[in-house]
Amino acid sequence: MVGVTGVVRDDRGRVLLLRHRLWNPDLPWGLPTGFAKRGEEFGQTVVREVKEETGLDVRPGRLVRLRSGFRLRLEVAYEAELVGGELVIDDFEILEARWCDPEDLPEGLQPAHHELIEGMTGP
């Protein structure tokens, strides 16, 4: 299994964060994330997952993480740029979507996702 995460930014540099219904209630906030389908290019997994969860269209950018992960054989993360669409959340999986300034992230953000955001905005 391959888990794929997108660090999606808008033209103001804000990052897209989602409050996930099925995640730990103490850590419900995170980046758009999902599993790659068989034969799918991982950048396209980001495009598909963001569209399914939020209705937004994104363009994948550079690979920012590739490592072994918890209960997954592989964790992959890409930068992604907002290119269109209308924000309409999939309320089966997502409780809330929010554009956040990287210096003003919500409580309950997944630590690994905090690392990704911080690593892309730090010194």
Protein backbone atom coordinates (compact mmCIF):
# COMPACT_ATOMS: atom_id res chain seq x y z
CA MET A 1 0.00 0.00 0.00
CA VAL A 2 1.14 3.52 -0.79
CA GLY A 3 -0.20 6.50 1.13
CA VAL A 4 0.01 9.75 -0.82
CA THR A 5 -0.26 13.24 0.67
CA GLY A 6 -0.59 16.60 -1.06
CA VAL A 7 0.77 19.83 0.38
CA VAL A 8 -1.67 22.05 -1.54
CA ARG A 9 -1.09 25.80 -1.65
CA ASP A 10 -3.11 28.64 -3.09
CA ASP A 11 -1.73 31.76 -4.78
CA ARG A 12 -1.37 33.45 -1.37
CA GLY A 13 0.86 30.67 0.01
CA ARG A 14 -1.80 29.27 2.32
CA VAL A 15 -1.99 25.51 2.78
CA LEU A 16 -5.16 23.43 2.46
CA LEU A 17 -5.99 21.53 5.65
CA LEU A 18 -8.85 19.12 6.21
CA ARG A 19 -10.55 18.01 9.42
CA HIS A 20 -11.02 14.30 8.81
CA ARG A 21 -14.04 12.45 10.19
CA LEU A 22 -12.35 9.02 10.34
CA TRP A 23 -9.07 10.09 11.96
CA ASN A 24 -8.18 10.19 15.67
CA PRO A 25 -10.45 12.85 17.25
CA ASP A 26 -7.39 14.33 19.04
CA LEU A 27 -5.54 14.74 15.72
CA PRO A 28 -8.27 15.28 13.10
CA TRP A 29 -6.49 17.93 11.01
CA GLY A 30 -4.23 17.04 8.13
CA LEU A 31 -3.33 17.47 4.52
CA PRO A 32 -5.31 15.76 1.75
CA THR A 33 -4.24 12.12 1.88
CA GLY A 34 -5.25 8.84 0.34
CA PHE A 35 -4.08 5.54 -1.08
CA ALA A 36 -2.73 5.17 -4.59
CA LYS A 37 -4.73 2.93 -6.89
CA ARG A 38 -3.01 0.15 -8.77
CA GLY A 39 -0.99 1.55 -11.66
CA GLU A 40 -1.65 5.18 -10.68
CA GLU A 41 1.19 7.72 -10.80
CA PHE A 42 1.53 9.17 -7.31
CA GLY A 43 1.22 12.79 -8.45
CA GLN A 44 -2.12 11.85 -9.99
CA THR A 45 -3.17 10.30 -6.67
CA VAL A 46 -2.88 13.79 -5.17
CA VAL A 47 -5.00 15.23 -7.99
CA ARG A 48 -7.68 12.54 -7.53
CA GLU A 49 -7.78 12.64 -3.73
CA VAL A 50 -8.00 16.44 -3.55
CA LYS A 51 -10.82 16.41 -6.13
CA GLU A 52 -12.71 13.64 -4.29
CA GLU A 53 -12.34 15.22 -0.86
CA THR A 54 -12.75 18.92 -1.73
CA GLY A 55 -13.90 19.45 -5.32
CA LEU A 56 -10.72 21.46 -5.98
CA ASP A 57 -8.38 21.01 -8.94
CA VAL A 58 -4.64 20.90 -8.32
CA ARG A 59 -1.43 20.48 -10.29
CA PRO A 60 1.16 18.23 -8.63
CA GLY A 61 4.64 19.64 -8.13
CA ARG A 62 7.86 18.29 -6.71
CA LEU A 63 8.17 15.19 -4.56
CA VAL A 64 8.81 16.28 -0.94
CA ARG A 65 8.72 12.96 0.94
CA LEU A 66 9.40 9.32 0.16
CA ARG A 67 9.82 6.97 3.12
CA SER A 68 8.59 3.84 4.83
CA GLY A 69 5.60 4.52 7.03
CA PHE A 70 3.34 3.32 9.79
CA ARG A 71 1.22 0.41 8.59
CA LEU A 72 2.04 1.40 5.04
CA ARG A 73 4.75 0.09 2.87
CA LEU A 74 5.44 3.58 1.55
CA GLU A 75 4.55 7.22 2.29
CA VAL A 76 4.79 9.75 -0.51
CA ALA A 77 4.12 13.50 -0.44
CA TYR A 78 4.04 16.07 -3.22
CA GLU A 79 3.67 19.79 -3.35
CA ALA A 80 0.55 20.78 -5.26
CA GLU A 81 -0.80 24.05 -6.60
CA LEU A 82 -4.46 25.06 -6.64
CA VAL A 83 -5.57 25.60 -10.25
CA GLY A 84 -9.37 25.72 -9.98
CA GLY A 85 -12.55 24.06 -8.86
CA GLU A 86 -15.05 24.98 -6.19
CA LEU A 87 -14.61 23.99 -2.56
CA VAL A 88 -17.27 21.38 -1.81
CA ILE A 89 -16.24 18.84 0.84
CA ASP A 90 -17.01 15.13 0.80
CA ASP A 91 -18.82 15.06 4.15
CA PHE A 92 -18.47 11.29 4.46
CA GLU A 93 -14.71 11.67 5.07
CA ILE A 94 -14.21 15.40 5.69
CA LEU A 95 -15.81 17.57 8.37
CA GLU A 96 -14.19 20.87 7.40
CA ALA A 97 -11.69 22.34 4.92
CA ARG A 98 -9.67 25.43 5.66
CA TRP A 99 -6.94 27.48 3.96
CA CYS A 100 -4.31 28.21 6.63
CA ASP A 101 -1.30 30.44 6.80
CA PRO A 102 1.72 28.18 7.53
CA GLU A 103 2.37 30.21 10.70
CA ASP A 104 -1.23 29.78 11.93
CA LEU A 105 -2.03 26.06 11.87
CA PRO A 106 -4.94 24.53 13.82
CA GLU A 107 -4.62 22.51 17.02
CA GLY A 108 -4.88 18.79 16.38
CA LEU A 109 -2.73 18.77 13.23
CA GLN A 110 -1.05 15.45 12.45
CA PRO A 111 2.63 15.75 13.50
CA ALA A 112 3.92 14.28 10.22
CA HIS A 113 1.86 16.82 8.27
CA HIS A 114 3.10 19.64 10.49
CA GLU A 115 6.66 18.52 9.64
CA LEU A 116 5.89 18.63 5.92
CA ILE A 117 4.44 22.16 6.10
CA GLU A 118 7.21 23.42 8.39
CA GLY A 119 9.92 21.82 6.25
CA MET A 120 8.65 23.64 3.18
CA THR A 121 8.43 27.06 4.85
CA GLY A 122 11.35 26.98 7.30
CA PRO A 123 14.92 28.29 6.84
